[in-house]
Every structure is written in structure tokens, then in C-alpha cells.
Amino acid sequence: MKPLRRLLLGGISVVAAVSLTGAGVGSGKLAITGVNVVDTDSGAVKSDQTLVVAKGKIAAIVPSAEFRLEPGTRLVEARGKFLIPGFWDMHVHIAGLSADPSWSKDVILPLLTAMGITGVRDMGGDLSVLQQWRREIESGKLLGPHIVAGGPMLVSGGNRTPEQIPIKTPEEAREAVKSLKQEGADFIKVIDLPSREAFFAVADEAKRQNLPFVGHVPAVVSASEASDAGMRSIEHVVYSNLEMDCAAKEDELRQAERAARATHEEGVSARVLQEAMKSYDPMKAAALWERFARNGTWLVPTLVSIEILSRHGTDAATQAHDPHLEYVPASLRKLWDPDAPANKFPPGERQWWAQQYINDGKLTAAMIEGRVSLMAGSDSLDRYVLPGFALHRELQLLREAGMTPLEALQAATRNPAKFLGREQETGTIAKNAQADLVLLNANPLENISNTTGIFAVVRDGVFLDRTALDELLNRARAAAKAAH
């Protein structure tokens, strides 16, 4: 690895070194001294600590006054900085849909790393590509986040693609689950299914294959039924029809939706959701939150993606000139152009998304109050939902919905680790945990927006200073510009 720069700190020569193509495991030892360590379990902040990293893991955490520098240890002076675990974005699409693997590898992976995201859960993409990237990342040949991947999503129509598998019958549902298990998928994701029978076939076969199943709650079942069937995480609020489960008029509204679906009447589902929110019943909602807790069902609200949709058409100039679009190839920017006739929302649809964003926020606030287990996810690379940046915005929106700064931080660190069963290795700063860390300029427990002030990232023990992170961003921009 080539040194990017040399710093003189207290007379000690400190080398910040990184290979910008492969992370590898940090050679020798790294010591981050004088730092404030944030405990993502308790919210306590231990000041003036020295954290030692060796072979990609946290080897020790001691008061700086007790630290003794060993020969060959790289020293980073971090007085006044705050150290937190690396972030997980629990809902991304980085190798499929809008993210074409022909360019996304060279754009999205360095961008995520530079934004402090050291782990992602890919919620629908080309499984073989994602698995290849994961092998390269974990072997040190490629710099990027840890990847948990489900591969193609199960849908009720369309053609078979690397991103989706169409399902028509319960038998096809079972075969899809079996095949994804054989291909090495980490979980099964459902978008929509044609029948209740197909949904419960997925749930049953996933249990038989010892695979978690997650995703949208299809219209053919309720969120309560999905939770009871073992759905490990429910994605989004609006796309999972959570308003319906919380509505006093639920039975009446579901009957209206079923009738409309049978006659292919358009627009009814959208109207039904608004009617459901108007008849919101706090007691029913509280019972649903208790059910989620009892069943171990997690929620990923993805508020940022709905916020962006709520602004579509009313804030076109801002969207079209977002400086973060430097990380999006020109062909995709053209496809997203809010001024293109095909992308314009009718006034009624604009109003619906604006109201839906408000509804999503209200239900997320109710879930926070009801102590539902939540995780942060961005739904990038959806339209104008830009990897890395969107996750930090999601944390701010969770704070606005009622989370404390600590709870918002936990939604992207400790909670994903618990969900994945990796509490000992990620989402925490503890001895023997993976050395995936973010060094911030200011305390995120005082203001969650401070997560954007990144001083450095430690990825698998490799220290990436601000110069290295900026170089990653430069390379991502260049790759996006060169993409076709």
C-alpha cells in the first residue's frame, strides 16, 4: 500500500496508508489516540481513549494516559473527535435496477466507503455479481462495504431477470426459494405475490430452507399475517400497506381493494390507503406494534425515498441540479430528468405522494413510540436516492420522527448487527470486534447531522484519512462520468 501522506504529530511520523482498489487488512498496528468513544448500547461517551487495531480487529481500548506506543504502530491523533461503529445501510440496490453493475462497482462501492458505510444489505440485484464483489472485498482485493444479499426479488408478474423472479403458483414460489438457497442467497425478498397461497408457500419454504424472508407486505395478506408467518423485516411503510392494519375500517377497506383488484380498477389502492389513514386507530396500531415485538419483526421505513417522491415535480430545479448527481452517469440522469414528460406527475399524484410522506412520518413516529425495532435503510439507488448521502438523511428523518440521536445512530449500527446476528463483530466498539469505524468531527449524540462530518474511516483495520476519502470520491465521480 502506498502512503497517501505523512503527518507529524507530536514528533511522531504517522503514515495514513490505503490502497484505493483493495482494502486488505491493515498491516501492523493502528492506534487512534485521545478520542471520544461512543458506546452505541448505552449512549455513554468515554473521553480521551486510545483504541488499538491489529489484523483488522479492535485489539484494545484504554485510557490514553495508560497507552504505551509500541514500535511499528501507526498513531492517529484524534483529540476532540468522536469514534462510532461503521454504518450499515439495510436497504440498497447496488447491482441491478438503476445500478448497472457495469459501472456501479466503480462508483457506488467507493462512494459508500467514503460516506462511512461499511456494510449493506442488498435488497434485489444480480446475486452472482454481488457474491463476486463480496469475495473480492472480504479477501482484500476490493475496497467496499460488507455485503449481505438476497439476489432476485419474488414478484407476481413480468419476466425473469437478474433482479426478479416472477411467481404464479405456490409451487413456483417454493421452487424459487429452493433455487435461491442453492445459489447462496442470504435471504428471500418478496415484492408482490399473486395469492395468499403463494405467500404462505414462500414463508413455509423459507423456514424449511433456514432462510430469513423479508420485503414488502403483499396486498394479499395483512402485516399482522406476514409477521405471524415469520417475515423478519418489513420494508417501507407505504409499500407494505401498514395504514390498513392500523385502520378502524380495515375490513371494509380491504374488501374495496380486493374488488378493485379483481376488476383491474386503477387508483383504488392509493385512495384506500388515504382512507385508511383517516380512520387510524391508535389501539389497533399499538396491538400491531406489540405483535411485531412478539414475533421479532423489524421495520425499515426508508423515509428518505418517500421524501424525495413527495418533492418530485414541485422541486424539479433543485433535483436536477443536485451536486450529488456527479456520482450518477449521464444516461441515468437523463432517464431521471424531472422535466421529461414521462417523469411528470399529474397534480393529483403529486398531492398523494406529499400526503403519503406525511402519513409515513406519522406511522414511523407511532412505531418509535411503540418501541418497534427499526433499522435505517435508504432504498438507494432509487430515483434521486443517492448512495451514502441518503443514509445520512434517513438518520435525520428518523430523528425528526421522534428518535433520539442515540436511537437514530443505533438504527444504522447496533440494530443491523442484532438483526444479522453479528453483535460481537459489528455495530459496536469493543475488543475483538471488526475494525470498521467512523471518526467524526463532532458528537452525533448532540446532533445526528454530525454523522456527515467525517474525519476518517477505518475499514477492516485500514485507516482512510480525509485525503484518502476525498480521493475515493474523486474516483467515484470520474467513474460515473466515464460510464455509458
Protein backbone atom coordinates (compact mmCIF):
# COMPACT_ATOMS: atom_id res chain seq x y z
CA MET A 1 0.00 0.00 0.00
CA LYS A 2 1.32 3.41 -0.94
CA PRO A 3 1.41 6.20 1.65
CA LEU A 4 -1.01 8.99 0.77
CA ARG A 5 0.57 11.49 3.10
CA ARG A 6 2.74 11.80 6.19
CA LEU A 7 1.67 13.74 9.23
CA LEU A 8 3.88 14.95 12.05
CA LEU A 9 2.00 14.59 15.31
CA GLY A 10 3.93 15.32 18.47
CA GLY A 11 7.18 14.50 16.77
CA ILE A 12 5.95 11.08 15.62
CA SER A 13 5.78 10.33 11.92
CA VAL A 14 2.30 8.97 11.21
CA VAL A 15 1.53 7.34 7.88
CA ALA A 16 -2.06 7.24 6.66
CA ALA A 17 -1.94 4.49 4.06
CA VAL A 18 -4.51 2.81 1.90
CA SER A 19 -4.88 1.02 -1.38
CA LEU A 20 -7.81 2.62 -3.15
CA THR A 21 -8.61 -0.54 -5.07
CA GLY A 22 -8.35 -3.09 -2.31
CA ALA A 23 -8.79 -2.66 1.43
CA GLY A 24 -6.89 -5.66 2.66
CA VAL A 25 -6.27 -5.95 6.37
CA GLY A 26 -4.28 -3.15 7.96
CA SER A 27 -0.63 -4.13 8.22
CA GLY A 28 0.93 -3.78 11.66
CA LYS A 29 -1.00 -1.91 14.31
CA LEU A 30 -3.01 1.28 14.31
CA ALA A 31 -3.62 3.42 17.39
CA ILE A 32 -6.25 6.17 17.46
CA THR A 33 -5.44 8.27 20.50
CA GLY A 34 -7.17 11.00 22.50
CA VAL A 35 -10.53 10.07 21.01
CA ASN A 36 -14.05 10.15 22.45
CA VAL A 37 -15.52 6.64 22.06
CA VAL A 38 -19.31 6.45 21.66
CA ASP A 39 -20.98 3.39 23.19
CA THR A 40 -23.91 2.62 20.86
CA ASP A 41 -25.57 0.45 23.52
CA SER A 42 -25.73 2.85 26.45
CA GLY A 43 -25.06 6.19 24.79
CA ALA A 44 -22.12 6.80 27.12
CA VAL A 45 -19.12 8.64 25.75
CA LYS A 46 -15.71 7.70 27.10
CA SER A 47 -13.34 10.61 26.61
CA ASP A 48 -9.61 10.59 25.93
CA GLN A 49 -9.37 6.93 24.96
CA THR A 50 -6.85 5.15 22.76
CA LEU A 51 -8.15 2.40 20.51
CA VAL A 52 -5.66 -0.10 19.10
CA VAL A 53 -6.34 -2.03 15.91
CA ALA A 54 -4.44 -5.13 14.82
CA LYS A 55 -5.17 -7.55 11.97
CA GLY A 56 -8.46 -5.89 11.15
CA LYS A 57 -9.89 -6.12 14.67
CA ILE A 58 -10.05 -3.94 17.75
CA ALA A 59 -7.22 -5.19 19.95
CA ALA A 60 -7.60 -2.85 22.92
CA ILE A 61 -9.38 0.25 24.23
CA VAL A 62 -7.58 2.00 27.09
CA PRO A 63 -7.45 5.48 28.66
CA SER A 64 -4.89 7.47 26.71
CA ALA A 65 -2.87 8.09 29.86
CA GLU A 66 -2.27 4.34 30.12
CA PHE A 67 -1.36 3.79 26.46
CA ARG A 68 2.19 2.91 25.54
CA LEU A 69 3.18 3.19 21.90
CA GLU A 70 4.78 0.04 20.53
CA PRO A 71 7.31 0.16 17.69
CA GLY A 72 5.70 -0.15 14.27
CA THR A 73 2.33 1.19 15.43
CA ARG A 74 0.78 3.91 13.31
CA LEU A 75 -0.53 6.68 15.53
CA VAL A 76 -3.51 8.91 14.72
CA GLU A 77 -4.11 11.92 16.95
CA ALA A 78 -7.89 12.28 17.34
CA ARG A 79 -8.32 14.65 20.23
CA GLY A 80 -11.77 16.23 20.09
CA LYS A 81 -13.03 13.64 17.59
CA PHE A 82 -15.79 11.06 18.16
CA LEU A 83 -15.45 7.40 17.24
CA ILE A 84 -18.50 5.34 16.28
CA PRO A 85 -19.03 1.97 14.57
CA GLY A 86 -19.28 1.97 10.79
CA PHE A 87 -22.77 2.43 9.38
CA TRP A 88 -24.98 -0.23 7.80
CA ASP A 89 -27.49 0.74 5.11
CA MET A 90 -30.09 -2.01 5.40
CA HIS A 91 -31.92 -1.34 2.14
CA VAL A 92 -29.89 -0.74 -1.02
CA HIS A 93 -29.82 -1.84 -4.65
CA ILE A 94 -26.20 -1.63 -5.81
CA ALA A 95 -26.01 -4.26 -8.58
CA GLY A 96 -29.23 -4.10 -10.53
CA LEU A 97 -32.28 -1.96 -11.32
CA SER A 98 -30.91 1.60 -11.59
CA ALA A 99 -27.42 0.49 -10.51
CA ASP A 100 -25.92 -1.16 -13.58
CA PRO A 101 -23.05 -3.39 -12.40
CA SER A 102 -21.02 -2.31 -15.45
CA TRP A 103 -20.38 0.99 -13.64
CA SER A 104 -21.85 0.72 -10.14
CA LYS A 105 -18.88 -1.28 -8.80
CA ASP A 106 -16.54 1.65 -9.50
CA VAL A 107 -18.99 4.32 -8.40
CA ILE A 108 -21.14 3.04 -5.56
CA LEU A 109 -18.64 0.95 -3.59
CA PRO A 110 -16.08 3.77 -3.11
CA LEU A 111 -18.89 6.26 -2.52
CA LEU A 112 -20.39 4.15 0.28
CA THR A 113 -16.97 3.68 1.87
CA ALA A 114 -16.22 7.39 1.76
CA MET A 115 -19.55 8.07 3.48
CA GLY A 116 -18.69 5.74 6.35
CA ILE A 117 -20.99 2.91 5.28
CA THR A 118 -19.09 -0.29 6.00
CA GLY A 119 -21.97 -2.74 5.49
CA VAL A 120 -25.04 -3.00 3.25
CA ARG A 121 -27.99 -5.32 2.73
CA ASP A 122 -28.73 -5.51 -0.98
CA MET A 123 -32.49 -5.90 -1.40
CA GLY A 124 -32.70 -7.02 -5.01
CA GLY A 125 -29.97 -7.41 -7.60
CA ASP A 126 -27.72 -9.72 -9.55
CA LEU A 127 -26.72 -12.33 -6.98
CA SER A 128 -23.69 -13.64 -8.88
CA VAL A 129 -22.28 -10.13 -9.24
CA LEU A 130 -22.88 -9.32 -5.58
CA GLN A 131 -21.26 -12.56 -4.48
CA GLN A 132 -18.20 -11.87 -6.64
CA TRP A 133 -17.86 -8.39 -5.19
CA ARG A 134 -18.21 -9.81 -1.70
CA ARG A 135 -15.45 -12.34 -2.29
CA GLU A 136 -13.15 -9.61 -3.58
CA ILE A 137 -13.98 -7.30 -0.68
CA GLU A 138 -13.54 -9.91 2.03
CA SER A 139 -10.26 -11.12 0.51
CA GLY A 140 -8.89 -7.58 0.39
CA LYS A 141 -8.79 -7.23 -3.39
CA LEU A 142 -11.58 -4.64 -3.49
CA LEU A 143 -12.45 -1.74 -1.20
CA GLY A 144 -16.11 -1.66 -0.26
CA PRO A 145 -18.67 -2.46 2.43
CA HIS A 146 -19.59 -5.89 3.71
CA ILE A 147 -22.46 -7.20 1.56
CA VAL A 148 -25.49 -9.24 2.62
CA ALA A 149 -27.51 -10.14 -0.48
CA GLY A 150 -30.83 -11.77 -1.31
CA GLY A 151 -30.48 -11.77 -5.08
CA PRO A 152 -33.58 -11.53 -7.28
CA MET A 153 -36.88 -10.48 -5.69
CA LEU A 154 -40.05 -12.56 -5.88
CA VAL A 155 -42.74 -10.72 -7.86
CA SER A 156 -46.19 -11.52 -9.23
CA GLY A 157 -45.55 -10.66 -12.89
CA GLY A 158 -43.06 -9.70 -15.56
CA ASN A 159 -40.06 -11.56 -16.94
CA ARG A 160 -37.23 -13.37 -15.19
CA THR A 161 -34.22 -11.06 -14.84
CA PRO A 162 -31.18 -10.96 -12.56
CA GLU A 163 -33.25 -8.71 -10.26
CA GLN A 164 -36.55 -10.59 -10.12
CA ILE A 165 -38.28 -13.97 -10.34
CA PRO A 166 -41.95 -13.94 -11.40
CA ILE A 167 -44.21 -16.24 -9.38
CA LYS A 168 -47.62 -17.53 -10.47
CA THR A 169 -48.29 -20.52 -8.22
CA PRO A 170 -47.37 -21.80 -4.75
CA GLU A 171 -45.28 -24.49 -6.43
CA GLU A 172 -43.25 -21.88 -8.31
CA ALA A 173 -42.83 -19.96 -5.05
CA ARG A 174 -41.31 -23.00 -3.35
CA GLU A 175 -39.01 -23.74 -6.27
CA ALA A 176 -37.79 -20.14 -6.30
CA VAL A 177 -36.90 -20.32 -2.61
CA LYS A 178 -35.09 -23.63 -3.09
CA SER A 179 -33.11 -22.37 -6.08
CA LEU A 180 -32.06 -19.18 -4.27
CA LYS A 181 -30.91 -21.29 -1.33
CA GLN A 182 -28.77 -23.38 -3.68
CA GLU A 183 -27.34 -20.23 -5.26
CA GLY A 184 -26.24 -18.94 -1.87
CA ALA A 185 -28.75 -16.15 -1.22
CA ASP A 186 -28.64 -14.81 2.34
CA PHE A 187 -32.40 -14.26 2.48
CA ILE A 188 -35.56 -14.20 0.37
CA LYS A 189 -37.20 -10.91 -0.56
CA VAL A 190 -40.86 -10.62 -1.53
CA ILE A 191 -42.22 -7.67 -3.51
CA ASP A 192 -45.67 -8.88 -4.52
CA LEU A 193 -47.27 -12.28 -4.90
CA PRO A 194 -50.39 -13.35 -6.80
CA SER A 195 -52.18 -15.15 -3.96
CA ARG A 196 -52.24 -15.85 -0.27
CA GLU A 197 -51.29 -19.43 -1.04
CA ALA A 198 -48.13 -18.30 -2.85
CA PHE A 199 -47.18 -16.01 0.04
CA PHE A 200 -47.54 -18.71 2.68
CA ALA A 201 -45.67 -21.15 0.43
CA VAL A 202 -42.72 -18.71 0.44
CA ALA A 203 -42.95 -18.37 4.22
CA ASP A 204 -43.06 -22.12 4.76
CA GLU A 205 -40.30 -23.00 2.29
CA ALA A 206 -38.04 -20.23 3.61
CA LYS A 207 -38.44 -21.74 7.08
CA ARG A 208 -37.67 -25.22 5.72
CA GLN A 209 -34.55 -23.89 3.99
CA ASN A 210 -33.50 -21.93 7.09
CA LEU A 211 -33.56 -18.66 5.13
CA PRO A 212 -34.97 -15.40 6.51
CA PHE A 213 -37.69 -13.90 4.33
CA VAL A 214 -38.25 -10.16 4.18
CA GLY A 215 -39.72 -7.48 1.97
CA HIS A 216 -42.96 -5.72 1.14
CA VAL A 217 -46.20 -6.96 2.64
CA PRO A 218 -48.18 -8.02 -0.45
CA ALA A 219 -51.77 -6.81 -0.74
CA VAL A 220 -52.99 -10.42 -0.47
CA VAL A 221 -52.09 -10.57 3.24
CA SER A 222 -52.02 -8.17 6.17
CA ALA A 223 -48.92 -7.03 8.00
CA SER A 224 -50.17 -8.97 11.02
CA GLU A 225 -50.33 -12.17 8.96
CA ALA A 226 -46.93 -11.52 7.43
CA SER A 227 -45.42 -11.05 10.87
CA ASP A 228 -47.10 -14.19 12.20
CA ALA A 229 -45.75 -16.11 9.17
CA GLY A 230 -42.20 -15.19 10.15
CA MET A 231 -41.37 -12.20 7.94
CA ARG A 232 -38.15 -10.96 9.53
CA SER A 233 -38.24 -7.41 8.24
CA ILE A 234 -40.94 -5.33 6.62
CA GLU A 235 -39.63 -2.79 4.13
CA HIS A 236 -41.14 0.68 3.75
CA VAL A 237 -44.41 1.93 5.22
CA VAL A 238 -46.49 2.80 2.18
CA TYR A 239 -45.43 -0.15 0.01
CA SER A 240 -46.34 -2.54 2.83
CA ASN A 241 -49.79 -1.02 3.40
CA LEU A 242 -49.25 -0.54 7.12
CA GLU A 243 -52.03 2.04 7.19
CA MET A 244 -54.51 -0.76 6.51
CA ASP A 245 -53.56 -2.75 9.61
CA CYS A 246 -53.97 0.37 11.74
CA ALA A 247 -57.36 1.41 10.31
CA ALA A 248 -60.64 1.18 12.20
CA LYS A 249 -62.30 0.48 8.82
CA GLU A 250 -59.74 -2.18 7.85
CA ASP A 251 -62.23 -4.91 6.84
CA GLU A 252 -64.29 -2.54 4.71
CA LEU A 253 -61.24 -1.06 3.02
CA ARG A 254 -59.62 -4.41 2.29
CA GLN A 255 -62.85 -5.59 0.70
CA ALA A 256 -62.91 -2.49 -1.52
CA GLU A 257 -59.31 -3.06 -2.52
CA ARG A 258 -59.89 -6.72 -3.38
CA ALA A 259 -62.89 -5.80 -5.53
CA ALA A 260 -60.88 -3.15 -7.36
CA ARG A 261 -58.02 -5.54 -7.93
CA ALA A 262 -60.39 -8.14 -9.39
CA THR A 263 -61.72 -5.63 -11.92
CA HIS A 264 -58.27 -4.03 -12.55
CA GLU A 265 -59.61 -0.66 -11.47
CA GLU A 266 -56.68 1.77 -11.29
CA GLY A 267 -56.02 4.19 -8.48
CA VAL A 268 -58.17 2.46 -5.89
CA SER A 269 -55.27 1.20 -3.77
CA ALA A 270 -53.91 4.73 -3.43
CA ARG A 271 -57.31 6.08 -2.38
CA VAL A 272 -57.82 3.20 0.03
CA LEU A 273 -54.55 3.94 1.80
CA GLN A 274 -55.56 7.55 2.33
CA GLU A 275 -58.93 6.44 3.67
CA ALA A 276 -57.16 4.01 5.95
CA MET A 277 -55.01 6.78 7.41
CA LYS A 278 -58.11 8.89 8.02
CA SER A 279 -59.55 6.07 10.13
CA TYR A 280 -56.29 5.46 12.01
CA ASP A 281 -56.95 3.64 15.29
CA PRO A 282 -54.19 4.07 17.92
CA MET A 283 -55.33 0.94 19.75
CA LYS A 284 -55.07 -1.19 16.62
CA ALA A 285 -51.68 0.31 15.87
CA ALA A 286 -50.44 -0.45 19.38
CA ALA A 287 -51.61 -4.06 19.02
CA LEU A 288 -49.70 -4.33 15.73
CA TRP A 289 -46.51 -2.97 17.27
CA GLU A 290 -46.83 -5.50 20.12
CA ARG A 291 -47.28 -8.27 17.56
CA PHE A 292 -44.11 -7.20 15.75
CA ALA A 293 -42.19 -7.30 19.03
CA ARG A 294 -43.58 -10.72 19.92
CA ASN A 295 -42.71 -12.16 16.52
CA GLY A 296 -39.32 -10.49 16.19
CA THR A 297 -40.41 -8.48 13.12
CA TRP A 298 -38.21 -5.50 12.21
CA LEU A 299 -39.21 -2.42 10.19
CA VAL A 300 -37.17 -0.40 7.69
CA PRO A 301 -39.16 2.80 6.97
CA THR A 302 -36.97 4.25 4.13
CA LEU A 303 -38.43 7.70 4.75
CA VAL A 304 -35.83 9.39 2.57
CA SER A 305 -37.06 7.71 -0.61
CA ILE A 306 -40.63 8.84 0.05
CA GLU A 307 -39.45 12.35 0.94
CA ILE A 308 -37.84 12.57 -2.49
CA LEU A 309 -41.01 11.36 -4.21
CA SER A 310 -43.03 13.91 -2.26
CA ARG A 311 -40.90 16.70 -3.77
CA HIS A 312 -40.97 15.32 -7.31
CA GLY A 313 -42.41 17.83 -9.72
CA THR A 314 -42.52 20.65 -7.19
CA ASP A 315 -38.78 20.94 -6.68
CA ALA A 316 -37.54 19.89 -10.13
CA ALA A 317 -34.85 22.55 -10.42
CA THR A 318 -33.26 21.52 -7.13
CA GLN A 319 -33.40 17.84 -8.00
CA ALA A 320 -31.99 18.31 -11.49
CA HIS A 321 -29.06 20.35 -10.17
CA ASP A 322 -28.28 18.33 -7.06
CA PRO A 323 -24.46 18.37 -6.84
CA HIS A 324 -24.52 14.73 -5.75
CA LEU A 325 -25.64 13.83 -9.27
CA GLU A 326 -21.92 13.93 -10.11
CA TYR A 327 -22.00 10.35 -8.90
CA VAL A 328 -24.69 9.33 -11.40
CA PRO A 329 -23.89 8.54 -15.06
CA ALA A 330 -25.32 10.97 -17.61
CA SER A 331 -27.57 8.29 -19.11
CA LEU A 332 -29.27 7.71 -15.75
CA ARG A 333 -29.57 11.43 -15.03
CA LYS A 334 -31.32 11.80 -18.37
CA LEU A 335 -33.65 8.95 -17.51
CA TRP A 336 -34.48 10.61 -14.19
CA ASP A 337 -34.92 14.14 -15.61
CA PRO A 338 -37.89 15.60 -13.70
CA ASP A 339 -38.70 17.88 -16.65
CA ALA A 340 -39.08 14.97 -19.07
CA PRO A 341 -42.77 14.48 -19.97
CA ALA A 342 -42.67 10.81 -18.98
CA ASN A 343 -41.50 11.74 -15.47
CA LYS A 344 -44.04 14.41 -14.68
CA PHE A 345 -46.59 13.55 -12.00
CA PRO A 346 -50.20 14.66 -12.54
CA PRO A 347 -51.25 17.16 -9.83
CA GLY A 348 -53.29 14.53 -8.02
CA GLU A 349 -50.37 12.14 -7.86
CA ARG A 350 -48.03 14.86 -6.57
CA GLN A 351 -50.51 15.64 -3.82
CA TRP A 352 -50.87 11.95 -3.00
CA TRP A 353 -47.12 11.46 -2.52
CA ALA A 354 -46.88 14.63 -0.45
CA GLN A 355 -49.63 13.37 1.83
CA GLN A 356 -48.15 9.88 1.89
CA TYR A 357 -44.84 11.26 3.10
CA ILE A 358 -46.70 12.88 5.98
CA ASN A 359 -48.51 9.60 6.66
CA ASP A 360 -45.26 7.62 6.61
CA GLY A 361 -43.77 10.03 9.12
CA LYS A 362 -46.78 9.72 11.42
CA LEU A 363 -46.72 5.93 11.36
CA THR A 364 -42.96 5.85 11.89
CA ALA A 365 -43.41 8.18 14.87
CA ALA A 366 -46.06 5.82 16.26
CA MET A 367 -43.73 2.85 15.78
CA ILE A 368 -40.92 4.69 17.57
CA GLU A 369 -43.25 5.45 20.46
CA GLY A 370 -44.41 1.82 20.40
CA ARG A 371 -40.79 0.58 20.64
CA VAL A 372 -40.85 -1.25 17.30
CA SER A 373 -37.40 -2.49 16.28
CA LEU A 374 -36.32 -0.22 13.43
CA MET A 375 -33.33 -0.17 11.07
CA ALA A 376 -32.10 2.55 8.76
CA GLY A 377 -32.29 1.95 5.02
CA SER A 378 -32.21 4.35 2.09
CA ASP A 379 -33.62 2.42 -0.92
CA SER A 380 -30.74 3.72 -3.00
CA LEU A 381 -30.17 3.72 -5.94
CA ASP A 382 -33.83 4.61 -6.44
CA ARG A 383 -34.59 7.79 -8.36
CA TYR A 384 -32.57 10.64 -6.78
CA VAL A 385 -31.85 8.44 -3.74
CA LEU A 386 -28.07 8.63 -3.86
CA PRO A 387 -25.96 6.02 -2.05
CA GLY A 388 -24.29 7.16 1.14
CA PHE A 389 -25.81 10.62 1.24
CA ALA A 390 -29.33 9.18 1.52
CA LEU A 391 -28.46 7.04 4.55
CA HIS A 392 -27.30 10.09 6.47
CA ARG A 393 -30.51 11.89 5.51
CA GLU A 394 -32.52 8.88 6.70
CA LEU A 395 -30.94 9.21 10.14
CA GLN A 396 -32.02 12.85 10.25
CA LEU A 397 -35.58 11.91 9.26
CA LEU A 398 -35.73 9.22 11.93
CA ARG A 399 -34.66 11.87 14.42
CA GLU A 400 -37.43 14.18 13.16
CA ALA A 401 -39.92 11.33 13.55
CA GLY A 402 -39.12 11.05 17.24
CA MET A 403 -35.98 9.01 17.71
CA THR A 404 -33.30 10.34 20.00
CA PRO A 405 -29.92 10.88 18.33
CA LEU A 406 -28.72 7.69 20.03
CA GLU A 407 -31.67 5.70 18.69
CA ALA A 408 -31.09 7.04 15.19
CA LEU A 409 -27.43 6.08 15.44
CA GLN A 410 -28.39 2.62 16.69
CA ALA A 411 -30.70 2.19 13.67
CA ALA A 412 -27.63 2.13 11.43
CA THR A 413 -25.14 0.39 13.76
CA ARG A 414 -26.25 -1.74 16.69
CA ASN A 415 -29.68 -2.69 15.33
CA PRO A 416 -28.46 -4.10 11.99
CA ALA A 417 -25.86 -6.11 13.91
CA LYS A 418 -28.60 -7.59 16.09
CA PHE A 419 -30.80 -8.33 13.10
CA LEU A 420 -27.96 -10.10 11.31
CA GLY A 421 -26.78 -11.95 14.41
CA ARG A 422 -23.41 -10.22 14.29
CA GLU A 423 -23.47 -8.30 17.57
CA GLN A 424 -19.97 -9.43 18.54
CA GLU A 425 -18.32 -8.34 15.32
CA THR A 426 -20.06 -5.20 14.03
CA GLY A 427 -22.21 -2.28 15.18
CA THR A 428 -20.15 -1.90 18.34
CA ILE A 429 -16.80 -0.64 19.56
CA ALA A 430 -15.45 -3.45 21.69
CA LYS A 431 -12.38 -5.63 21.95
CA ASN A 432 -12.23 -8.28 19.20
CA ALA A 433 -14.94 -6.57 17.13
CA GLN A 434 -14.30 -5.86 13.45
CA ALA A 435 -12.35 -2.63 12.99
CA ASP A 436 -14.98 -0.90 10.85
CA LEU A 437 -15.19 2.57 12.35
CA VAL A 438 -16.05 6.18 11.58
CA LEU A 439 -14.22 9.12 13.12
CA LEU A 440 -16.42 12.22 13.34
CA ASN A 441 -15.56 15.84 13.90
CA ALA A 442 -18.45 16.37 16.33
CA ASN A 443 -20.68 14.41 18.69
CA PRO A 444 -23.58 12.65 16.88
CA LEU A 445 -25.43 12.27 20.19
CA GLU A 446 -25.80 16.04 20.36
CA ASN A 447 -26.92 16.38 16.75
CA ILE A 448 -27.43 13.40 14.44
CA SER A 449 -26.47 15.60 11.48
CA ASN A 450 -22.92 15.40 12.82
CA THR A 451 -22.66 11.97 11.17
CA THR A 452 -21.93 13.80 7.92
CA GLY A 453 -18.80 15.45 9.33
CA ILE A 454 -16.47 12.53 8.67
CA PHE A 455 -12.82 13.00 9.62
CA ALA A 456 -11.74 9.45 8.75
CA VAL A 457 -12.99 5.91 8.19
CA VAL A 458 -11.39 2.68 9.34
CA ARG A 459 -12.33 -0.20 7.06
CA ASP A 460 -11.18 -3.65 8.12
CA GLY A 461 -8.34 -2.06 10.06
CA VAL A 462 -7.19 0.22 7.23
CA PHE A 463 -7.15 3.91 8.16
CA LEU A 464 -8.65 6.16 5.48
CA ASP A 465 -7.94 9.79 6.29
CA ARG A 466 -9.76 12.73 4.74
CA THR A 467 -7.33 12.82 1.83
CA ALA A 468 -7.98 9.15 1.09
CA LEU A 469 -11.76 9.61 1.40
CA ASP A 470 -11.69 12.57 -0.97
CA GLU A 471 -9.70 10.51 -3.44
CA LEU A 472 -12.37 7.80 -3.25
CA LEU A 473 -15.00 10.43 -4.03
CA ASN A 474 -12.92 11.74 -6.93
CA ARG A 475 -12.61 8.24 -8.36
CA ALA A 476 -16.34 7.63 -7.99
CA ARG A 477 -17.11 10.87 -9.82
CA ALA A 478 -14.66 10.00 -12.58
CA ALA A 479 -16.14 6.52 -12.99
CA ALA A 480 -19.66 7.98 -13.18
CA LYS A 481 -18.53 10.46 -15.81
CA ALA A 482 -16.89 7.72 -17.88
CA ALA A 483 -19.92 5.38 -17.68
CA HIS A 484 -22.30 4.96 -20.59
